[in-house]
Amino acid sequence: MASLMVDAANGGVRLIVETHSALILLAIQALVAEGRLQSDRSRLHWFTRNGTGATQVASGSLEEAGAFGDWPEDFGDVEIDLQHRYLSAAESVRFAHANGR
């Protein structure tokens, strides 16, 4: 998916992509590091709510090597929590099947 988006962007298409996928972001970072997308052709935006409920937008760019400095504090937590839930549930199912339950 990231390669398709980069091909479109390199062909002059302006894209706005919304994702919660760390894999998409990592793929974009890899494509920048590989030289397939110029770092100045991408921009990342994070939307959060402050204590009063107002939306705040933080923005940043990828470096030439694809790195991004200040990821939101909780960005990886959601993925890690879901991976943990899945692995725990799958382990429980396998344990139950192995013990005839």
PDB file of N, CA and C in Angstrom:
ATOM      1  N   MET A   1       0.826  -1.179   0.000  1.00  0.00           N
ATOM      2  CA  MET A   1       0.000   0.000   0.000  1.00  0.00           C
ATOM      3  C   MET A   1       0.877   1.251   0.000  1.00  0.00           C
ATOM      4  N   ALA A   2       1.911   1.249   0.830  1.00  0.00           N
ATOM      5  CA  ALA A   2       2.797   2.417   0.904  1.00  0.00           C
ATOM      6  C   ALA A   2       3.496   2.654  -0.432  1.00  0.00           C
ATOM      7  N   SER A   3       3.915   1.584  -1.094  1.00  0.00           N
ATOM      8  CA  SER A   3       4.568   1.734  -2.402  1.00  0.00           C
ATOM      9  C   SER A   3       3.615   2.345  -3.425  1.00  0.00           C
ATOM     10  N   LEU A   4       2.367   1.930  -3.389  1.00  0.00           N
ATOM     11  CA  LEU A   4       1.366   2.487  -4.291  1.00  0.00           C
ATOM     12  C   LEU A   4       1.172   3.981  -4.021  1.00  0.00           C
ATOM     13  N   MET A   5       1.105   4.353  -2.750  1.00  0.00           N
ATOM     14  CA  MET A   5       0.944   5.763  -2.395  1.00  0.00           C
ATOM     15  C   MET A   5       2.150   6.576  -2.848  1.00  0.00           C
ATOM     16  N   VAL A   6       3.344   6.034  -2.667  1.00  0.00           N
ATOM     17  CA  VAL A   6       4.560   6.740  -3.074  1.00  0.00           C
ATOM     18  C   VAL A   6       4.618   6.873  -4.586  1.00  0.00           C
ATOM     19  N   ASP A   7       4.247   5.829  -5.314  1.00  0.00           N
ATOM     20  CA  ASP A   7       4.216   5.918  -6.777  1.00  0.00           C
ATOM     21  C   ASP A   7       3.257   7.016  -7.228  1.00  0.00           C
ATOM     22  N   ALA A   8       2.099   7.086  -6.590  1.00  0.00           N
ATOM     23  CA  ALA A   8       1.128   8.130  -6.933  1.00  0.00           C
ATOM     24  C   ALA A   8       1.690   9.513  -6.609  1.00  0.00           C
ATOM     25  N   ALA A   9       2.290   9.657  -5.436  1.00  0.00           N
ATOM     26  CA  ALA A   9       2.858  10.953  -5.038  1.00  0.00           C
ATOM     27  C   ALA A   9       3.979  11.362  -5.977  1.00  0.00           C
ATOM     28  N   ASN A  10       4.818  10.417  -6.353  1.00  0.00           N
ATOM     29  CA  ASN A  10       5.905  10.728  -7.282  1.00  0.00           C
ATOM     30  C   ASN A  10       5.391  11.047  -8.681  1.00  0.00           C
ATOM     31  N   GLY A  11       4.162  10.631  -8.968  1.00  0.00           N
ATOM     32  CA  GLY A  11       3.540  10.946 -10.250  1.00  0.00           C
ATOM     33  C   GLY A  11       2.759  12.252 -10.226  1.00  0.00           C
ATOM     34  N   GLY A  12       2.856  12.982  -9.117  1.00  0.00           N
ATOM     35  CA  GLY A  12       2.219  14.284  -9.025  1.00  0.00           C
ATOM     36  C   GLY A  12       0.891  14.316  -8.297  1.00  0.00           C
ATOM     37  N   VAL A  13       0.431  13.185  -7.808  1.00  0.00           N
ATOM     38  CA  VAL A  13      -0.834  13.135  -7.087  1.00  0.00           C
ATOM     39  C   VAL A  13      -0.608  13.590  -5.645  1.00  0.00           C
ATOM     40  N   ARG A  14      -1.464  14.465  -5.174  1.00  0.00           N
ATOM     41  CA  ARG A  14      -1.386  14.912  -3.774  1.00  0.00           C
ATOM     42  C   ARG A  14      -2.306  14.026  -2.955  1.00  0.00           C
ATOM     43  N   LEU A  15      -1.759  13.371  -1.961  1.00  0.00           N
ATOM     44  CA  LEU A  15      -2.513  12.414  -1.153  1.00  0.00           C
ATOM     45  C   LEU A  15      -2.662  12.910   0.274  1.00  0.00           C
ATOM     46  N   ILE A  16      -3.805  12.613   0.839  1.00  0.00           N
ATOM     47  CA  ILE A  16      -4.010  12.769   2.273  1.00  0.00           C
ATOM     48  C   ILE A  16      -4.443  11.396   2.763  1.00  0.00           C
ATOM     49  N   VAL A  17      -3.657  10.817   3.646  1.00  0.00           N
ATOM     50  CA  VAL A  17      -3.918   9.462   4.114  1.00  0.00           C
ATOM     51  C   VAL A  17      -4.086   9.499   5.628  1.00  0.00           C
ATOM     52  N   GLU A  18      -5.166   8.910   6.098  1.00  0.00           N
ATOM     53  CA  GLU A  18      -5.389   8.796   7.532  1.00  0.00           C
ATOM     54  C   GLU A  18      -5.160   7.340   7.901  1.00  0.00           C
ATOM     55  N   THR A  19      -4.347   7.113   8.923  1.00  0.00           N
ATOM     56  CA  THR A  19      -4.077   5.741   9.337  1.00  0.00           C
ATOM     57  C   THR A  19      -3.742   5.679  10.816  1.00  0.00           C
ATOM     58  N   HIS A  20      -3.994   4.528  11.379  1.00  0.00           N
ATOM     59  CA  HIS A  20      -3.534   4.208  12.724  1.00  0.00           C
ATOM     60  C   HIS A  20      -2.494   3.096  12.627  1.00  0.00           C
ATOM     61  N   SER A  21      -2.048   2.818  11.424  1.00  0.00           N
ATOM     62  CA  SER A  21      -1.153   1.698  11.173  1.00  0.00           C
ATOM     63  C   SER A  21       0.317   2.098  11.276  1.00  0.00           C
ATOM     64  N   ALA A  22       0.983   1.534  12.265  1.00  0.00           N
ATOM     65  CA  ALA A  22       2.420   1.752  12.397  1.00  0.00           C
ATOM     66  C   ALA A  22       3.160   1.126  11.212  1.00  0.00           C
ATOM     67  N   LEU A  23       2.587   0.070  10.627  1.00  0.00           N
ATOM     68  CA  LEU A  23       3.240  -0.582   9.484  1.00  0.00           C
ATOM     69  C   LEU A  23       3.253   0.324   8.260  1.00  0.00           C
ATOM     70  N   ILE A  24       2.169   1.050   8.027  1.00  0.00           N
ATOM     71  CA  ILE A  24       2.148   1.987   6.892  1.00  0.00           C
ATOM     72  C   ILE A  24       3.208   3.060   7.103  1.00  0.00           C
ATOM     73  N   LEU A  25       3.265   3.607   8.315  1.00  0.00           N
ATOM     74  CA  LEU A  25       4.262   4.645   8.594  1.00  0.00           C
ATOM     75  C   LEU A  25       5.682   4.111   8.458  1.00  0.00           C
ATOM     76  N   LEU A  26       5.917   2.901   8.948  1.00  0.00           N
ATOM     77  CA  LEU A  26       7.246   2.300   8.829  1.00  0.00           C
ATOM     78  C   LEU A  26       7.598   2.058   7.363  1.00  0.00           C
ATOM     79  N   ALA A  27       6.614   1.637   6.572  1.00  0.00           N
ATOM     80  CA  ALA A  27       6.864   1.429   5.135  1.00  0.00           C
ATOM     81  C   ALA A  27       7.214   2.744   4.457  1.00  0.00           C
ATOM     82  N   ILE A  28       6.527   3.827   4.807  1.00  0.00           N
ATOM     83  CA  ILE A  28       6.852   5.144   4.244  1.00  0.00           C
ATOM     84  C   ILE A  28       8.263   5.540   4.651  1.00  0.00           C
ATOM     85  N   GLN A  29       8.605   5.313   5.915  1.00  0.00           N
ATOM     86  CA  GLN A  29       9.969   5.627   6.377  1.00  0.00           C
ATOM     87  C   GLN A  29      10.997   4.846   5.567  1.00  0.00           C
ATOM     88  N   ALA A  30      10.738   3.569   5.325  1.00  0.00           N
ATOM     89  CA  ALA A  30      11.675   2.743   4.554  1.00  0.00           C
ATOM     90  C   ALA A  30      11.809   3.269   3.126  1.00  0.00           C
ATOM     91  N   LEU A  31      10.689   3.664   2.523  1.00  0.00           N
ATOM     92  CA  LEU A  31      10.732   4.176   1.152  1.00  0.00           C
ATOM     93  C   LEU A  31      11.510   5.491   1.069  1.00  0.00           C
ATOM     94  N   VAL A  32      11.411   6.315   2.090  1.00  0.00           N
ATOM     95  CA  VAL A  32      12.217   7.541   2.135  1.00  0.00           C
ATOM     96  C   VAL A  32      13.690   7.168   2.267  1.00  0.00           C
ATOM     97  N   ALA A  33      14.017   6.268   3.185  1.00  0.00           N
ATOM     98  CA  ALA A  33      15.406   5.861   3.399  1.00  0.00           C
ATOM     99  C   ALA A  33      15.995   5.207   2.156  1.00  0.00           C
ATOM    100  N   GLU A  34      15.159   4.506   1.383  1.00  0.00           N
ATOM    101  CA  GLU A  34      15.614   3.857   0.149  1.00  0.00           C
ATOM    102  C   GLU A  34      15.732   4.841  -1.015  1.00  0.00           C
ATOM    103  N   GLY A  35      15.309   6.069  -0.798  1.00  0.00           N
ATOM    104  CA  GLY A  35      15.403   7.072  -1.853  1.00  0.00           C
ATOM    105  C   GLY A  35      14.253   7.070  -2.839  1.00  0.00           C
ATOM    106  N   ARG A  36      13.196   6.318  -2.543  1.00  0.00           N
ATOM    107  CA  ARG A  36      12.055   6.254  -3.464  1.00  0.00           C
ATOM    108  C   ARG A  36      11.064   7.391  -3.248  1.00  0.00           C
ATOM    109  N   LEU A  37      11.189   8.083  -2.114  1.00  0.00           N
ATOM    110  CA  LEU A  37      10.357   9.249  -1.827  1.00  0.00           C
ATOM    111  C   LEU A  37      11.231  10.285  -1.147  1.00  0.00           C
ATOM    112  N   GLN A  38      11.222  11.502  -1.669  1.00  0.00           N
ATOM    113  CA  GLN A  38      12.001  12.566  -1.047  1.00  0.00           C
ATOM    114  C   GLN A  38      11.371  12.916   0.298  1.00  0.00           C
ATOM    115  N   SER A  39      12.207  13.101   1.295  1.00  0.00           N
ATOM    116  CA  SER A  39      11.708  13.351   2.649  1.00  0.00           C
ATOM    117  C   SER A  39      10.839  14.598   2.727  1.00  0.00           C
ATOM    118  N   ASP A  40      11.112  15.585   1.898  1.00  0.00           N
ATOM    119  CA  ASP A  40      10.320  16.817   1.956  1.00  0.00           C
ATOM    120  C   ASP A  40       8.968  16.694   1.241  1.00  0.00           C
ATOM    121  N   ARG A  41       8.676  15.520   0.682  1.00  0.00           N
ATOM    122  CA  ARG A  41       7.392  15.296   0.005  1.00  0.00           C
ATOM    123  C   ARG A  41       6.367  14.639   0.912  1.00  0.00           C
ATOM    124  N   SER A  42       6.715  14.461   2.188  1.00  0.00           N
ATOM    125  CA  SER A  42       5.762  13.871   3.124  1.00  0.00           C
ATOM    126  C   SER A  42       5.707  14.708   4.394  1.00  0.00           C
ATOM    127  N   ARG A  43       4.586  14.656   5.022  1.00  0.00           N
ATOM    128  CA  ARG A  43       4.363  15.393   6.266  1.00  0.00           C
ATOM    129  C   ARG A  43       3.456  14.538   7.137  1.00  0.00           C
ATOM    130  N   LEU A  44       3.749  14.484   8.424  1.00  0.00           N
ATOM    131  CA  LEU A  44       2.942  13.712   9.369  1.00  0.00           C
ATOM    132  C   LEU A  44       2.208  14.677  10.295  1.00  0.00           C
ATOM    133  N   HIS A  45       0.938  14.368  10.564  1.00  0.00           N
ATOM    134  CA  HIS A  45       0.136  15.201  11.455  1.00  0.00           C
ATOM    135  C   HIS A  45      -0.528  14.303  12.498  1.00  0.00           C
ATOM    136  N   TRP A  46      -0.491  14.722  13.750  1.00  0.00           N
ATOM    137  CA  TRP A  46      -1.160  14.011  14.833  1.00  0.00           C
ATOM    138  C   TRP A  46      -2.238  14.909  15.402  1.00  0.00           C
ATOM    139  N   PHE A  47      -3.407  14.330  15.600  1.00  0.00           N
ATOM    140  CA  PHE A  47      -4.529  15.069  16.155  1.00  0.00           C
ATOM    141  C   PHE A  47      -4.822  14.524  17.546  1.00  0.00           C
ATOM    142  N   THR A  48      -4.834  15.396  18.515  1.00  0.00           N
ATOM    143  CA  THR A  48      -5.134  15.016  19.892  1.00  0.00           C
ATOM    144  C   THR A  48      -6.113  16.024  20.478  1.00  0.00           C
ATOM    145  N   ARG A  49      -6.734  15.637  21.568  1.00  0.00           N
ATOM    146  CA  ARG A  49      -7.619  16.556  22.276  1.00  0.00           C
ATOM    147  C   ARG A  49      -6.939  17.002  23.560  1.00  0.00           C
ATOM    148  N   ASN A  50      -7.060  18.287  23.835  1.00  0.00           N
ATOM    149  CA  ASN A  50      -6.486  18.789  25.086  1.00  0.00           C
ATOM    150  C   ASN A  50      -7.520  18.627  26.201  1.00  0.00           C
ATOM    151  N   GLY A  51      -7.204  19.121  27.377  1.00  0.00           N
ATOM    152  CA  GLY A  51      -8.066  18.960  28.539  1.00  0.00           C
ATOM    153  C   GLY A  51      -9.445  19.576  28.395  1.00  0.00           C
ATOM    154  N   THR A  52      -9.601  20.571  27.528  1.00  0.00           N
ATOM    155  CA  THR A  52     -10.906  21.211  27.331  1.00  0.00           C
ATOM    156  C   THR A  52     -11.679  20.593  26.172  1.00  0.00           C
ATOM    157  N   GLY A  53     -11.077  19.601  25.501  1.00  0.00           N
ATOM    158  CA  GLY A  53     -11.742  18.939  24.383  1.00  0.00           C
ATOM    159  C   GLY A  53     -11.424  19.529  23.023  1.00  0.00           C
ATOM    160  N   ALA A  54     -10.624  20.588  23.005  1.00  0.00           N
ATOM    161  CA  ALA A  54     -10.244  21.191  21.724  1.00  0.00           C
ATOM    162  C   ALA A  54      -9.203  20.312  21.027  1.00  0.00           C
ATOM    163  N   THR A  55      -9.294  20.256  19.704  1.00  0.00           N
ATOM    164  CA  THR A  55      -8.348  19.464  18.920  1.00  0.00           C
ATOM    165  C   THR A  55      -7.058  20.242  18.726  1.00  0.00           C
ATOM    166  N   GLN A  56      -5.950  19.556  18.953  1.00  0.00           N
ATOM    167  CA  GLN A  56      -4.633  20.129  18.710  1.00  0.00           C
ATOM    168  C   GLN A  56      -3.953  19.314  17.624  1.00  0.00           C
ATOM    169  N   VAL A  57      -3.223  20.004  16.742  1.00  0.00           N
ATOM    170  CA  VAL A  57      -2.521  19.341  15.648  1.00  0.00           C
ATOM    171  C   VAL A  57      -1.024  19.555  15.826  1.00  0.00           C
ATOM    172  N   ALA A  58      -0.288  18.446  15.819  1.00  0.00           N
ATOM    173  CA  ALA A  58       1.176  18.501  15.825  1.00  0.00           C
ATOM    174  C   ALA A  58       1.639  17.975  14.475  1.00  0.00           C
ATOM    175  N   SER A  59       2.634  18.604  13.882  1.00  0.00           N
ATOM    176  CA  SER A  59       3.103  18.214  12.555  1.00  0.00           C
ATOM    177  C   SER A  59       4.613  18.052  12.543  1.00  0.00           C
ATOM    178  N   GLY A  60       5.075  17.247  11.607  1.00  0.00           N
ATOM    179  CA  GLY A  60       6.504  17.068  11.450  1.00  0.00           C
ATOM    180  C   GLY A  60       6.825  16.389  10.137  1.00  0.00           C
ATOM    181  N   SER A  61       8.080  16.380   9.803  1.00  0.00           N
ATOM    182  CA  SER A  61       8.554  15.778   8.560  1.00  0.00           C
ATOM    183  C   SER A  61       9.499  14.631   8.859  1.00  0.00           C
ATOM    184  N   LEU A  62       9.679  13.794   7.874  1.00  0.00           N
ATOM    185  CA  LEU A  62      10.683  12.738   7.973  1.00  0.00           C
ATOM    186  C   LEU A  62      12.040  13.309   7.591  1.00  0.00           C
ATOM    187  N   GLU A  63      13.078  12.795   8.221  1.00  0.00           N
ATOM    188  CA  GLU A  63      14.435  13.178   7.846  1.00  0.00           C
ATOM    189  C   GLU A  63      14.826  12.418   6.582  1.00  0.00           C
ATOM    190  N   GLU A  64      15.955  12.771   6.012  1.00  0.00           N
ATOM    191  CA  GLU A  64      16.402  12.143   4.763  1.00  0.00           C
ATOM    192  C   GLU A  64      16.543  10.625   4.889  1.00  0.00           C
ATOM    193  N   ALA A  65      16.879  10.144   6.088  1.00  0.00           N
ATOM    194  CA  ALA A  65      17.015   8.706   6.303  1.00  0.00           C
ATOM    195  C   ALA A  65      15.687   8.061   6.701  1.00  0.00           C
ATOM    196  N   GLY A  66      14.589   8.844   6.682  1.00  0.00           N
ATOM    197  CA  GLY A  66      13.277   8.299   7.007  1.00  0.00           C
ATOM    198  C   GLY A  66      12.898   8.403   8.468  1.00  0.00           C
ATOM    199  N   ALA A  67      13.785   8.921   9.297  1.00  0.00           N
ATOM    200  CA  ALA A  67      13.501   9.010  10.737  1.00  0.00           C
ATOM    201  C   ALA A  67      12.562  10.174  11.022  1.00  0.00           C
ATOM    202  N   PHE A  68      11.772  10.007  12.057  1.00  0.00           N
ATOM    203  CA  PHE A  68      10.907  11.079  12.543  1.00  0.00           C
ATOM    204  C   PHE A  68      11.192  11.231  14.020  1.00  0.00           C
ATOM    205  N   GLY A  69      11.450  12.447  14.454  1.00  0.00           N
ATOM    206  CA  GLY A  69      11.914  12.683  15.808  1.00  0.00           C
ATOM    207  C   GLY A  69      10.932  12.439  16.924  1.00  0.00           C
ATOM    208  N   ASP A  70       9.833  13.154  16.949  1.00  0.00           N
ATOM    209  CA  ASP A  70       8.954  13.131  18.116  1.00  0.00           C
ATOM    210  C   ASP A  70       7.623  12.449  17.820  1.00  0.00           C
ATOM    211  N   TRP A  71       7.618  11.109  17.913  1.00  0.00           N
ATOM    212  CA  TRP A  71       6.373  10.368  17.766  1.00  0.00           C
ATOM    213  C   TRP A  71       5.496  10.695  18.964  1.00  0.00           C
ATOM    214  N   PRO A  72       4.190  10.657  18.796  1.00  0.00           N
ATOM    215  CA  PRO A  72       3.311  10.844  19.958  1.00  0.00           C
ATOM    216  C   PRO A  72       3.610   9.775  21.001  1.00  0.00           C
ATOM    217  N   GLU A  73       3.525  10.141  22.255  1.00  0.00           N
ATOM    218  CA  GLU A  73       3.908   9.228  23.332  1.00  0.00           C
ATOM    219  C   GLU A  73       3.169   7.902  23.281  1.00  0.00           C
ATOM    220  N   ASP A  74       1.885   7.926  22.961  1.00  0.00           N
ATOM    221  CA  ASP A  74       1.087   6.708  23.021  1.00  0.00           C
ATOM    222  C   ASP A  74       0.935   5.991  21.686  1.00  0.00           C
ATOM    223  N   PHE A  75       1.612   6.448  20.639  1.00  0.00           N
ATOM    224  CA  PHE A  75       1.385   5.886  19.312  1.00  0.00           C
ATOM    225  C   PHE A  75       1.630   4.379  19.283  1.00  0.00           C
ATOM    226  N   GLY A  76       2.755   3.934  19.779  1.00  0.00           N
ATOM    227  CA  GLY A  76       3.077   2.509  19.757  1.00  0.00           C
ATOM    228  C   GLY A  76       2.330   1.707  20.802  1.00  0.00           C
ATOM    229  N   ASP A  77       1.820   2.368  21.838  1.00  0.00           N
ATOM    230  CA  ASP A  77       1.145   1.655  22.920  1.00  0.00           C
ATOM    231  C   ASP A  77      -0.081   0.901  22.436  1.00  0.00           C
ATOM    232  N   VAL A  78      -0.854   1.488  21.539  1.00  0.00           N
ATOM    233  CA  VAL A  78      -2.068   0.844  21.048  1.00  0.00           C
ATOM    234  C   VAL A  78      -1.714  -0.456  20.344  1.00  0.00           C
ATOM    235  N   GLU A  79      -0.715  -0.408  19.466  1.00  0.00           N
ATOM    236  CA  GLU A  79      -0.310  -1.619  18.742  1.00  0.00           C
ATOM    237  C   GLU A  79       0.236  -2.676  19.700  1.00  0.00           C
ATOM    238  N   ILE A  80       1.071  -2.263  20.623  1.00  0.00           N
ATOM    239  CA  ILE A  80       1.652  -3.207  21.583  1.00  0.00           C
ATOM    240  C   ILE A  80       0.567  -3.841  22.438  1.00  0.00           C
ATOM    241  N   ASP A  81      -0.396  -3.048  22.909  1.00  0.00           N
ATOM    242  CA  ASP A  81      -1.492  -3.585  23.712  1.00  0.00           C
ATOM    243  C   ASP A  81      -2.310  -4.611  22.937  1.00  0.00           C
ATOM    244  N   LEU A  82      -2.615  -4.301  21.668  1.00  0.00           N
ATOM    245  CA  LEU A  82      -3.387  -5.241  20.857  1.00  0.00           C
ATOM    246  C   LEU A  82      -2.603  -6.516  20.566  1.00  0.00           C
ATOM    247  N   GLN A  83      -1.316  -6.397  20.318  1.00  0.00           N
ATOM    248  CA  GLN A  83      -0.493  -7.597  20.106  1.00  0.00           C
ATOM    249  C   GLN A  83      -0.488  -8.463  21.360  1.00  0.00           C
ATOM    250  N   HIS A  84      -0.372  -7.835  22.508  1.00  0.00           N
ATOM    251  CA  HIS A  84      -0.375  -8.571  23.771  1.00  0.00           C
ATOM    252  C   HIS A  84      -1.721  -9.275  23.979  1.00  0.00           C
ATOM    253  N   ARG A  85      -2.834  -8.572  23.729  1.00  0.00           N
ATOM    254  CA  ARG A  85      -4.152  -9.181  23.862  1.00  0.00           C
ATOM    255  C   ARG A  85      -4.297 -10.383  22.953  1.00  0.00           C
ATOM    256  N   TYR A  86      -3.883 -10.221  21.687  1.00  0.00           N
ATOM    257  CA  TYR A  86      -3.998 -11.328  20.734  1.00  0.00           C
ATOM    258  C   TYR A  86      -3.151 -12.520  21.176  1.00  0.00           C
ATOM    259  N   LEU A  87      -1.888 -12.275  21.505  1.00  0.00           N
ATOM    260  CA  LEU A  87      -1.002 -13.374  21.880  1.00  0.00           C
ATOM    261  C   LEU A  87      -1.494 -14.083  23.133  1.00  0.00           C
ATOM    262  N   SER A  88      -1.995 -13.339  24.099  1.00  0.00           N
ATOM    263  CA  SER A  88      -2.535 -13.948  25.319  1.00  0.00           C
ATOM    264  C   SER A  88      -3.756 -14.803  25.004  1.00  0.00           C
ATOM    265  N   ALA A  89      -4.656 -14.277  24.180  1.00  0.00           N
ATOM    266  CA  ALA A  89      -5.867 -15.025  23.822  1.00  0.00           C
ATOM    267  C   ALA A  89      -5.516 -16.271  23.009  1.00  0.00           C
ATOM    268  N   ALA A  90      -4.622 -16.141  22.044  1.00  0.00           N
ATOM    269  CA  ALA A  90      -4.219 -17.288  21.226  1.00  0.00           C
ATOM    270  C   ALA A  90      -3.543 -18.353  22.075  1.00  0.00           C
ATOM    271  N   GLU A  91      -2.725 -17.938  23.022  1.00  0.00           N
ATOM    272  CA  GLU A  91      -2.062 -18.888  23.922  1.00  0.00           C
ATOM    273  C   GLU A  91      -3.094 -19.623  24.768  1.00  0.00           C
ATOM    274  N   SER A  92      -4.103 -18.921  25.238  1.00  0.00           N
ATOM    275  CA  SER A  92      -5.159 -19.549  26.039  1.00  0.00           C
ATOM    276  C   SER A  92      -5.918 -20.591  25.222  1.00  0.00           C
ATOM    277  N   VAL A  93      -6.234 -20.258  23.971  1.00  0.00           N
ATOM    278  CA  VAL A  93      -6.953 -21.194  23.104  1.00  0.00           C
ATOM    279  C   VAL A  93      -6.101 -22.427  22.849  1.00  0.00           C
ATOM    280  N   ARG A  94      -4.846 -22.225  22.523  1.00  0.00           N
ATOM    281  CA  ARG A  94      -3.961 -23.368  22.256  1.00  0.00           C
ATOM    282  C   ARG A  94      -3.769 -24.236  23.496  1.00  0.00           C
ATOM    283  N   PHE A  95      -3.660 -23.604  24.658  1.00  0.00           N
ATOM    284  CA  PHE A  95      -3.511 -24.346  25.912  1.00  0.00           C
ATOM    285  C   PHE A  95      -4.760 -25.173  26.164  1.00  0.00           C
ATOM    286  N   ALA A  96      -5.922 -24.562  25.941  1.00  0.00           N
ATOM    287  CA  ALA A  96      -7.179 -25.272  26.154  1.00  0.00           C
ATOM    288  C   ALA A  96      -7.293 -26.470  25.215  1.00  0.00           C
ATOM    289  N   HIS A  97      -6.931 -26.299  23.947  1.00  0.00           N
ATOM    290  CA  HIS A  97      -6.997 -27.410  22.987  1.00  0.00           C
ATOM    291  C   HIS A  97      -5.998 -28.506  23.340  1.00  0.00           C
ATOM    292  N   ALA A  98      -4.820 -28.121  23.789  1.00  0.00           N
ATOM    293  CA  ALA A  98      -3.799 -29.101  24.140  1.00  0.00           C
ATOM    294  C   ALA A  98      -4.206 -29.914  25.356  1.00  0.00           C
ATOM    295  N   ASN A  99      -5.058 -29.355  26.205  1.00  0.00           N
ATOM    296  CA  ASN A  99      -5.475 -30.034  27.435  1.00  0.00           C
ATOM    297  C   ASN A  99      -6.895 -30.566  27.322  1.00  0.00           C
ATOM    298  N   GLY A 100      -7.399 -30.662  26.087  1.00  0.00           N
ATOM    299  CA  GLY A 100      -8.708 -31.266  25.846  1.00  0.00           C
ATOM    300  C   GLY A 100      -9.889 -30.460  26.348  1.00  0.00           C
ATOM    301  N   ARG A 101      -9.740 -29.185  26.471  1.00  0.00           N
ATOM    302  CA  ARG A 101     -10.864 -28.358  26.950  1.00  0.00           C
ATOM    303  C   ARG A 101     -11.608 -27.755  25.798  1.00  0.00           C
TER     304      ARG A 101
END
